[in-house]
Amino acid sequence: MSLVLRVLGKLRWLLRSSTLRLALMLSVIFAIGFAIAIFVALTLGRDANERRVDASLLALAGAADVDDRAEDGQDMILRALDDLQGLPSPFRRAVERGGGTVELNRDLRGSDVWRVLVAQDSEGTPVMVAVSLEATEDTQELLAGVLWATAAIVVVLTVGVGLISGLLAQRRLSRIDQTLGLLAAGVLSARTGHTRSRDDLDDMARQLDVTAAELERLVTQTRHLSASIAHDLRTPLARLRAQLEMLPDGDARGAALEEASRLSDIFDTIMRVARIEAAQGNDGFETVEISDLLQDIAETFGPVVEDEGKTLSLDLEAAGQVQADRNMLIQALANLIQNAIVHGGEVITLFAAGRSFGVADNGLGVDPADYADIIKPMVRLDAARTRDGSGLGLALVRAVADRHTARLELSQNLPSGLKVTLNFADL
């Protein structure tokens, strides 16, 4: 079954290949044109041959005298119109039409194809003259066979060359497509590797490599800059916090310390996102049992959720296992739980189904039109920013999903609420 699926996959790839479709289309057009040309050539050749034979028959009839004829020749029949006894009926029907080509069911004098013409002999007597076309038909069939065989060979060679050229072009296009897919997945080091410029596809591949290198440089620079800023601001923030703690107790001191803690958490989150996005390879990955992971998180965060007056439940449906960094998954799920505590309803659910898992709540939910925005860093639906939050929670979850090449899916938790899923099912 797997072999059949692989073959079907190859066929599907061939059908989707624009270069191969173009090669096959040109080959079909060439084959049709070749066939039409051969058919026209054979038809015109047959007509020209019939005109030449008719001219010869007129000359033979005009030079003969039926009364002087002793007998028909081996390849020619010359008779008066009232003396057609012994000839097959197709001859008489041809005479009634004024002449034409006669094809017999059996040979007559070694030939089953004759050309018949009604003419006048040297005395002006209407006569029927016929000549065998056996040799001409053999030549015509030989010529047709040669032409059709040549056409078949040329078409096969054309299709073969077209397929080979298409496959070579498709290999390079597939390499470009694969590189673009890796870049889209966050592997900024992906390159096509083309260095020579033989045609426009190589120029495209080389330009893609240049663009990817510049993109990698800019993204790395941006990540490093954001992480550096967050790191550099932590020191003065720590000093500020230390100075605030030396102030006398009071509401102002507590509020200032709370804001300092909030800023510190934001910088820590920025640095964690930067570290996750900068990581490559599978270092730190291990086999993680999803059910065990969710149960541990429920035990850890259950009391925190209860302190907020909410309920944390588990919904494990045939939970599987994944290859992942366990600590990163814990960070992602912790952020989702915190997000549900702040913005969700009274019930928060840790769920798993196969190799997909996540967090759902029964709150007001989010407009599906905003799904693409809320996973971006520093984006909050509360434009006035009157509620707690930094807009980095789902951004960190997305970074973890991208790090594991998993899909981050946001959906409505019917009848109400938001459902966020980390989908490893297609890995």
Protein backbone atom coordinates (compact mmCIF):
# COMPACT_ATOMS: atom_id res chain seq x y z
CA MET A 1 0.00 0.00 0.00
CA SER A 2 2.83 2.40 0.85
CA LEU A 3 4.40 1.76 -2.58
CA VAL A 4 1.09 2.57 -4.26
CA LEU A 5 0.79 5.77 -2.24
CA ARG A 6 4.32 6.79 -3.21
CA VAL A 7 3.58 6.14 -6.88
CA LEU A 8 0.36 8.14 -6.64
CA GLY A 9 2.28 10.92 -4.93
CA LYS A 10 4.77 10.99 -7.80
CA LEU A 11 1.96 11.06 -10.37
CA ARG A 12 0.27 13.89 -8.49
CA TRP A 13 3.56 15.77 -8.51
CA LEU A 14 3.91 15.20 -12.26
CA LEU A 15 0.40 16.53 -12.88
CA ARG A 16 1.17 19.64 -10.83
CA SER A 17 4.43 20.33 -12.67
CA SER A 18 3.90 23.28 -15.01
CA THR A 19 7.15 22.56 -16.88
CA LEU A 20 6.15 18.97 -17.55
CA ARG A 21 2.66 20.00 -18.59
CA LEU A 22 4.19 22.53 -20.99
CA ALA A 23 6.55 19.91 -22.44
CA LEU A 24 3.71 17.42 -22.90
CA MET A 25 1.43 20.07 -24.40
CA LEU A 26 4.09 21.09 -26.94
CA SER A 27 4.75 17.44 -27.73
CA VAL A 28 1.04 16.79 -28.32
CA ILE A 29 0.77 19.86 -30.56
CA PHE A 30 3.84 18.72 -32.49
CA ALA A 31 2.43 15.19 -32.85
CA ILE A 32 -0.95 16.49 -34.07
CA GLY A 33 0.75 18.82 -36.54
CA PHE A 34 2.98 16.02 -37.79
CA ALA A 35 -0.01 13.70 -38.24
CA ILE A 36 -1.96 16.35 -40.14
CA ALA A 37 1.04 17.05 -42.37
CA ILE A 38 1.47 13.34 -43.19
CA PHE A 39 -2.25 12.90 -43.86
CA VAL A 40 -2.33 15.92 -46.18
CA ALA A 41 0.85 14.81 -47.95
CA LEU A 42 -0.50 11.30 -48.54
CA THR A 43 -3.87 12.62 -49.69
CA LEU A 44 -2.37 15.13 -52.10
CA GLY A 45 0.08 12.50 -53.33
CA ARG A 46 -2.75 10.05 -53.98
CA ASP A 47 -4.74 12.71 -55.87
CA ALA A 48 -1.72 13.69 -57.95
CA ASN A 49 -1.04 10.05 -58.76
CA GLU A 50 -4.67 9.50 -59.81
CA ARG A 51 -4.50 12.53 -62.12
CA ARG A 52 -1.30 11.21 -63.66
CA VAL A 53 -2.86 7.77 -64.18
CA ASP A 54 -6.00 9.32 -65.69
CA ALA A 55 -3.88 11.26 -68.16
CA SER A 56 -2.07 8.06 -69.11
CA LEU A 57 -5.39 6.23 -69.54
CA LEU A 58 -6.71 8.97 -71.83
CA ALA A 59 -3.58 8.72 -73.92
CA LEU A 60 -3.81 4.92 -74.11
CA ALA A 61 -7.49 5.02 -75.09
CA GLY A 62 -6.90 7.71 -77.71
CA ALA A 63 -4.12 5.71 -79.33
CA ALA A 64 -6.03 2.41 -79.43
CA ASP A 65 -8.65 0.99 -81.77
CA VAL A 66 -11.05 -1.33 -79.99
CA ASP A 67 -11.82 -3.18 -83.22
CA ASP A 68 -8.14 -3.94 -83.66
CA ARG A 69 -7.73 -5.18 -80.08
CA ALA A 70 -7.10 -8.86 -79.78
CA GLU A 71 -7.21 -9.18 -75.97
CA ASP A 72 -6.68 -7.28 -72.71
CA GLY A 73 -3.19 -6.87 -71.36
CA GLN A 74 -2.00 -8.23 -67.98
CA ASP A 75 -2.13 -4.84 -66.24
CA MET A 76 -4.63 -3.08 -68.51
CA ILE A 77 -8.20 -3.63 -69.65
CA LEU A 78 -9.56 -1.85 -72.75
CA ARG A 79 -13.11 -2.64 -73.83
CA ALA A 80 -16.08 -1.13 -75.51
CA LEU A 81 -18.83 -0.04 -73.17
CA ASP A 82 -21.13 -2.78 -74.49
CA ASP A 83 -18.52 -5.48 -73.99
CA LEU A 84 -18.05 -5.65 -70.17
CA GLN A 85 -19.00 -9.31 -69.72
CA GLY A 86 -16.75 -11.26 -67.41
CA LEU A 87 -15.66 -8.19 -65.42
CA PRO A 88 -16.62 -7.83 -61.72
CA SER A 89 -19.66 -5.65 -61.00
CA PRO A 90 -17.57 -2.81 -59.44
CA PHE A 91 -16.19 -2.13 -62.93
CA ARG A 92 -19.69 -1.62 -64.34
CA ARG A 93 -20.64 0.67 -61.45
CA ALA A 94 -17.48 2.70 -62.03
CA VAL A 95 -18.38 3.00 -65.75
CA GLU A 96 -21.80 4.31 -64.78
CA ARG A 97 -20.09 7.00 -62.65
CA GLY A 98 -17.75 7.92 -65.50
CA GLY A 99 -14.72 6.31 -63.87
CA GLY A 100 -12.95 6.07 -60.53
CA THR A 101 -10.87 3.76 -58.34
CA VAL A 102 -12.17 0.20 -57.96
CA GLU A 103 -11.26 -1.98 -54.97
CA LEU A 104 -12.09 -5.67 -55.40
CA ASN A 105 -12.69 -8.31 -52.77
CA ARG A 106 -10.36 -10.68 -54.62
CA ASP A 107 -7.50 -10.21 -57.03
CA LEU A 108 -8.16 -9.77 -60.73
CA ARG A 109 -5.03 -10.61 -62.73
CA GLY A 110 -2.92 -10.25 -59.61
CA SER A 111 -4.36 -6.92 -58.49
CA ASP A 112 -7.29 -5.90 -56.29
CA VAL A 113 -7.07 -2.13 -56.98
CA TRP A 114 -7.80 -0.69 -60.45
CA ARG A 115 -8.22 2.77 -61.88
CA VAL A 116 -11.15 2.96 -64.32
CA LEU A 117 -11.82 5.71 -66.88
CA VAL A 118 -14.43 6.16 -69.62
CA ALA A 119 -12.79 7.68 -72.73
CA GLN A 120 -12.82 7.48 -76.55
CA ASP A 121 -10.55 5.43 -78.76
CA SER A 122 -8.90 6.63 -81.96
CA GLU A 123 -12.17 6.13 -83.84
CA GLY A 124 -14.19 8.14 -81.31
CA THR A 125 -15.88 5.04 -79.88
CA PRO A 126 -16.65 5.25 -76.13
CA VAL A 127 -14.51 2.72 -74.31
CA MET A 128 -13.63 1.70 -70.81
CA VAL A 129 -9.95 1.67 -70.00
CA ALA A 130 -8.61 0.40 -66.69
CA VAL A 131 -5.11 -0.07 -65.33
CA SER A 132 -3.85 -1.87 -62.23
CA LEU A 133 -2.75 0.29 -59.29
CA GLU A 134 -1.14 -2.56 -57.37
CA ALA A 135 2.40 -1.24 -57.76
CA THR A 136 1.25 2.30 -57.03
CA GLU A 137 -0.66 1.22 -53.92
CA ASP A 138 2.33 -0.74 -52.68
CA THR A 139 4.49 2.33 -53.12
CA GLN A 140 1.88 4.49 -51.38
CA GLU A 141 1.63 2.08 -48.45
CA LEU A 142 5.42 1.88 -48.18
CA LEU A 143 5.66 5.68 -48.20
CA ALA A 144 2.89 5.95 -45.60
CA GLY A 145 4.57 3.35 -43.40
CA VAL A 146 7.90 5.18 -43.58
CA LEU A 147 6.28 8.52 -42.80
CA TRP A 148 4.21 7.21 -39.89
CA ALA A 149 7.18 5.31 -38.45
CA THR A 150 9.34 8.41 -38.75
CA ALA A 151 6.61 10.47 -37.12
CA ALA A 152 6.30 8.00 -34.25
CA ILE A 153 10.07 8.01 -33.66
CA VAL A 154 10.28 11.80 -33.80
CA VAL A 155 7.29 12.23 -31.48
CA VAL A 156 8.70 9.75 -28.96
CA LEU A 157 12.06 11.52 -29.06
CA THR A 158 10.34 14.89 -28.71
CA VAL A 159 8.28 13.71 -25.74
CA GLY A 160 11.36 12.14 -24.18
CA VAL A 161 13.47 15.28 -24.59
CA GLY A 162 10.56 17.38 -23.34
CA LEU A 163 10.09 15.18 -20.28
CA ILE A 164 13.80 15.18 -19.47
CA SER A 165 14.02 18.96 -19.90
CA GLY A 166 10.87 19.38 -17.83
CA LEU A 167 12.18 17.11 -15.08
CA LEU A 168 15.49 18.95 -14.93
CA ALA A 169 13.68 22.29 -14.73
CA GLN A 170 11.23 20.87 -12.17
CA ARG A 171 14.09 19.68 -9.97
CA ARG A 172 15.41 23.21 -9.78
CA LEU A 173 11.94 24.63 -9.22
CA SER A 174 11.37 22.06 -6.46
CA ARG A 175 14.62 23.15 -4.83
CA ILE A 176 13.48 26.77 -4.96
CA ASP A 177 10.06 25.80 -3.58
CA GLN A 178 11.64 23.76 -0.79
CA THR A 179 13.89 26.67 0.14
CA LEU A 180 10.93 29.05 0.24
CA GLY A 181 9.03 26.57 2.43
CA LEU A 182 11.93 26.36 4.88
CA LEU A 183 12.23 30.13 4.99
CA ALA A 184 8.50 30.40 5.66
CA ALA A 185 8.90 27.86 8.48
CA GLY A 186 11.58 30.03 10.08
CA VAL A 187 14.70 28.20 8.89
CA LEU A 188 16.45 31.35 7.71
CA SER A 189 19.67 29.51 6.89
CA ALA A 190 17.97 27.63 4.00
CA ARG A 191 19.57 28.21 0.59
CA THR A 192 19.16 26.76 -2.90
CA GLY A 193 22.91 26.48 -3.38
CA HIS A 194 22.91 27.60 -7.04
CA THR A 195 26.08 29.50 -7.95
CA ARG A 196 26.33 29.20 -11.75
CA SER A 197 24.05 31.18 -14.03
CA ARG A 198 22.99 29.03 -16.95
CA ASP A 199 19.47 30.37 -17.41
CA ASP A 200 16.70 32.38 -15.78
CA LEU A 201 15.93 29.66 -13.20
CA ASP A 202 19.51 29.82 -11.90
CA ASP A 203 19.27 33.61 -11.80
CA MET A 204 16.06 33.28 -9.77
CA ALA A 205 17.65 30.76 -7.39
CA ARG A 206 20.73 32.89 -6.88
CA GLN A 207 18.63 35.99 -6.24
CA LEU A 208 16.57 33.99 -3.72
CA ASP A 209 19.76 33.04 -1.88
CA VAL A 210 20.87 36.67 -1.78
CA THR A 211 17.45 37.74 -0.48
CA ALA A 212 17.41 34.95 2.12
CA ALA A 213 20.89 35.90 3.35
CA GLU A 214 19.84 39.53 3.75
CA LEU A 215 16.60 38.46 5.46
CA GLU A 216 18.54 36.24 7.87
CA ARG A 217 20.90 39.11 8.66
CA LEU A 218 18.08 41.57 9.34
CA VAL A 219 16.02 39.14 11.42
CA THR A 220 19.04 38.05 13.44
CA GLN A 221 19.98 41.66 13.97
CA THR A 222 16.45 42.53 15.07
CA ARG A 223 16.25 39.58 17.47
CA HIS A 224 19.66 40.39 18.89
CA LEU A 225 18.72 44.04 19.27
CA SER A 226 15.45 43.29 21.09
CA ALA A 227 17.14 40.76 23.35
CA SER A 228 20.01 43.16 24.03
CA ILE A 229 17.63 45.98 24.86
CA ALA A 230 15.66 43.75 27.21
CA HIS A 231 18.86 42.48 28.82
CA ASP A 232 20.38 45.93 29.21
CA LEU A 233 17.20 47.33 30.76
CA ARG A 234 17.01 44.56 33.35
CA THR A 235 19.98 45.95 35.30
CA PRO A 236 18.64 49.48 35.86
CA LEU A 237 15.22 47.96 36.48
CA ALA A 238 16.69 45.70 39.18
CA ARG A 239 18.38 48.72 40.74
CA LEU A 240 15.11 50.64 40.65
CA ARG A 241 13.34 47.74 42.32
CA ALA A 242 15.99 47.59 45.03
CA GLN A 243 15.58 51.29 45.69
CA LEU A 244 11.80 50.95 45.81
CA GLU A 245 12.06 48.18 48.37
CA MET A 246 14.00 50.57 50.64
CA LEU A 247 11.08 53.01 50.72
CA PRO A 248 8.67 52.98 53.68
CA ASP A 249 5.72 50.64 53.41
CA GLY A 250 2.63 52.08 51.80
CA ASP A 251 0.28 51.86 48.86
CA ALA A 252 2.60 53.90 46.66
CA ARG A 253 5.53 51.59 47.38
CA GLY A 254 3.44 48.47 46.65
CA ALA A 255 2.11 49.88 43.39
CA ALA A 256 5.61 50.89 42.26
CA LEU A 257 7.00 47.44 43.07
CA GLU A 258 4.13 45.81 41.17
CA GLU A 259 4.85 47.92 38.08
CA ALA A 260 8.55 47.12 38.36
CA SER A 261 7.74 43.41 38.54
CA ARG A 262 5.47 43.74 35.52
CA LEU A 263 8.23 45.43 33.49
CA SER A 264 10.70 42.77 34.55
CA ASP A 265 8.30 40.04 33.43
CA ILE A 266 7.87 41.73 30.05
CA PHE A 267 11.63 41.89 29.50
CA ASP A 268 12.00 38.26 30.59
CA THR A 269 9.30 37.21 28.11
CA ILE A 270 10.95 39.15 25.29
CA MET A 271 14.23 37.40 26.01
CA ARG A 272 12.56 33.98 26.18
CA VAL A 273 10.85 34.56 22.81
CA ALA A 274 14.16 35.68 21.30
CA ARG A 275 15.97 32.61 22.63
CA ILE A 276 13.24 30.26 21.33
CA GLU A 277 13.21 31.88 17.87
CA ALA A 278 17.01 31.79 17.68
CA ALA A 279 17.23 28.08 18.59
CA GLN A 280 17.82 25.53 15.81
CA GLY A 281 18.05 21.76 15.56
CA ASN A 282 16.54 19.28 17.97
CA ASP A 283 18.83 19.78 20.95
CA GLY A 284 16.87 19.27 24.15
CA PHE A 285 14.09 17.35 22.40
CA GLU A 286 12.76 14.21 24.05
CA THR A 287 9.73 11.94 23.89
CA VAL A 288 6.97 13.71 25.82
CA GLU A 289 3.84 11.87 26.92
CA ILE A 290 1.10 14.44 26.45
CA SER A 291 -1.17 13.03 29.15
CA ASP A 292 1.62 13.09 31.75
CA LEU A 293 2.57 16.63 30.73
CA LEU A 294 -0.97 17.96 31.09
CA GLN A 295 -1.54 16.19 34.40
CA ASP A 296 1.67 17.72 35.82
CA ILE A 297 0.61 21.18 34.64
CA ALA A 298 -2.86 20.71 36.12
CA GLU A 299 -1.35 19.82 39.50
CA THR A 300 0.98 22.83 39.35
CA PHE A 301 -1.42 25.49 38.10
CA GLY A 302 -4.67 24.12 39.56
CA PRO A 303 -4.25 26.00 42.88
CA VAL A 304 -3.33 29.21 41.01
CA VAL A 305 -6.52 28.97 38.93
CA GLU A 306 -8.61 28.22 42.04
CA ASP A 307 -7.17 31.27 43.81
CA GLU A 308 -8.64 33.33 40.97
CA GLY A 309 -12.05 31.80 41.59
CA LYS A 310 -11.97 29.63 38.48
CA THR A 311 -11.82 25.91 37.70
CA LEU A 312 -9.10 24.00 35.82
CA SER A 313 -10.24 20.68 34.28
CA LEU A 314 -8.64 17.96 32.18
CA ASP A 315 -10.02 16.43 28.98
CA LEU A 316 -7.65 13.73 27.72
CA GLU A 317 -8.81 11.76 24.68
CA ALA A 318 -6.34 9.08 23.57
CA ALA A 319 -3.44 11.45 24.17
CA GLY A 320 -0.31 10.46 22.27
CA GLN A 321 3.31 11.49 22.48
CA VAL A 322 5.51 14.00 20.67
CA GLN A 323 9.20 14.74 20.22
CA ALA A 324 9.60 18.13 21.86
CA ASP A 325 11.39 20.31 24.39
CA ARG A 326 9.32 19.68 27.52
CA ASN A 327 10.26 22.97 29.18
CA MET A 328 9.17 24.96 26.13
CA LEU A 329 5.80 23.18 26.10
CA ILE A 330 5.36 23.98 29.79
CA GLN A 331 6.10 27.66 29.09
CA ALA A 332 3.58 27.71 26.24
CA LEU A 333 0.80 26.03 28.23
CA ALA A 334 1.51 28.23 31.26
CA ASN A 335 1.07 31.30 29.08
CA LEU A 336 -2.19 29.94 27.68
CA ILE A 337 -3.51 29.28 31.20
CA GLN A 338 -2.50 32.78 32.32
CA ASN A 339 -4.19 34.23 29.24
CA ALA A 340 -7.38 32.28 30.04
CA ILE A 341 -7.28 33.43 33.68
CA VAL A 342 -7.11 37.08 32.61
CA HIS A 343 -9.40 37.04 29.55
CA GLY A 344 -11.39 33.77 29.74
CA GLY A 345 -14.41 32.51 31.59
CA GLU A 346 -14.91 30.56 34.78
CA VAL A 347 -13.87 27.17 33.39
CA ILE A 348 -10.42 26.53 31.90
CA THR A 349 -9.78 23.18 30.22
CA LEU A 350 -6.51 21.44 29.42
CA PHE A 351 -7.38 19.12 26.52
CA ALA A 352 -5.59 16.58 24.35
CA ALA A 353 -6.62 14.44 21.38
CA GLY A 354 -3.95 12.28 19.79
CA ARG A 355 -0.96 14.52 19.08
CA SER A 356 -2.89 17.78 19.50
CA PHE A 357 -3.32 19.56 22.81
CA GLY A 358 -3.95 23.01 24.22
CA VAL A 359 -6.13 25.20 26.45
CA ALA A 360 -9.79 26.21 26.09
CA ASP A 361 -12.01 28.54 28.12
CA ASN A 362 -15.70 29.47 28.21
CA GLY A 363 -15.31 33.23 28.15
CA LEU A 364 -16.49 35.74 25.59
CA GLY A 365 -13.96 34.49 23.04
CA VAL A 366 -12.25 36.39 20.25
CA ASP A 367 -13.53 37.46 16.85
CA PRO A 368 -12.05 35.03 14.28
CA ALA A 369 -11.01 38.06 12.21
CA ASP A 370 -8.56 38.93 15.02
CA TYR A 371 -6.89 35.51 15.27
CA ALA A 372 -3.99 36.46 13.01
CA ASP A 373 -3.32 39.64 14.99
CA ILE A 374 -3.35 38.41 18.58
CA ILE A 375 -0.47 35.98 18.01
CA LYS A 376 1.80 38.87 16.94
CA PRO A 377 4.18 40.34 19.56
CA MET A 378 2.92 43.34 21.53
CA VAL A 379 -0.55 43.20 19.91
CA ARG A 380 -3.54 43.53 22.26
CA LEU A 381 -7.22 43.72 21.38
CA ASP A 382 -7.64 46.21 24.22
CA ALA A 383 -6.44 49.23 22.23
CA ALA A 384 -6.63 51.49 25.25
CA ARG A 385 -4.54 48.95 27.22
CA THR A 386 -6.70 49.36 30.30
CA ARG A 387 -6.39 45.65 31.22
CA ASP A 388 -3.36 43.72 32.42
CA GLY A 389 -1.18 42.08 29.83
CA SER A 390 1.80 42.71 27.58
CA GLY A 391 0.62 41.18 24.30
CA LEU A 392 3.48 38.65 24.44
CA GLY A 393 1.69 35.58 25.80
CA LEU A 394 0.42 34.16 22.51
CA ALA A 395 3.56 35.40 20.73
CA LEU A 396 5.63 33.11 22.96
CA VAL A 397 3.22 30.23 22.29
CA ARG A 398 3.58 30.83 18.56
CA ALA A 399 7.38 30.86 18.90
CA VAL A 400 7.23 27.48 20.68
CA ALA A 401 4.94 26.08 17.97
CA ASP A 402 7.25 27.32 15.20
CA ARG A 403 10.26 25.90 17.04
CA HIS A 404 8.59 22.46 16.89
CA THR A 405 7.17 22.98 13.36
CA ALA A 406 3.72 22.47 14.88
CA ARG A 407 0.60 24.38 13.87
CA LEU A 408 -0.84 26.93 16.28
CA GLU A 409 -4.60 26.87 15.74
CA LEU A 410 -7.09 29.31 17.25
CA SER A 411 -10.79 28.45 17.10
CA GLN A 412 -14.08 29.10 18.83
CA ASN A 413 -14.81 26.94 21.86
CA LEU A 414 -18.52 26.35 21.34
CA PRO A 415 -20.84 27.54 22.69
CA SER A 416 -18.50 30.34 23.80
CA GLY A 417 -14.87 30.95 24.50
CA LEU A 418 -11.46 30.56 22.83
CA LYS A 419 -9.67 27.31 22.04
CA VAL A 420 -5.91 27.36 21.36
CA THR A 421 -4.37 24.15 20.00
CA LEU A 422 -0.80 23.04 19.39
CA ASN A 423 -1.21 20.56 16.53
CA PHE A 424 1.62 18.06 16.07
CA ALA A 425 -0.59 15.68 14.09
CA ASP A 426 1.02 16.29 10.67
CA LEU A 427 4.63 15.97 11.78
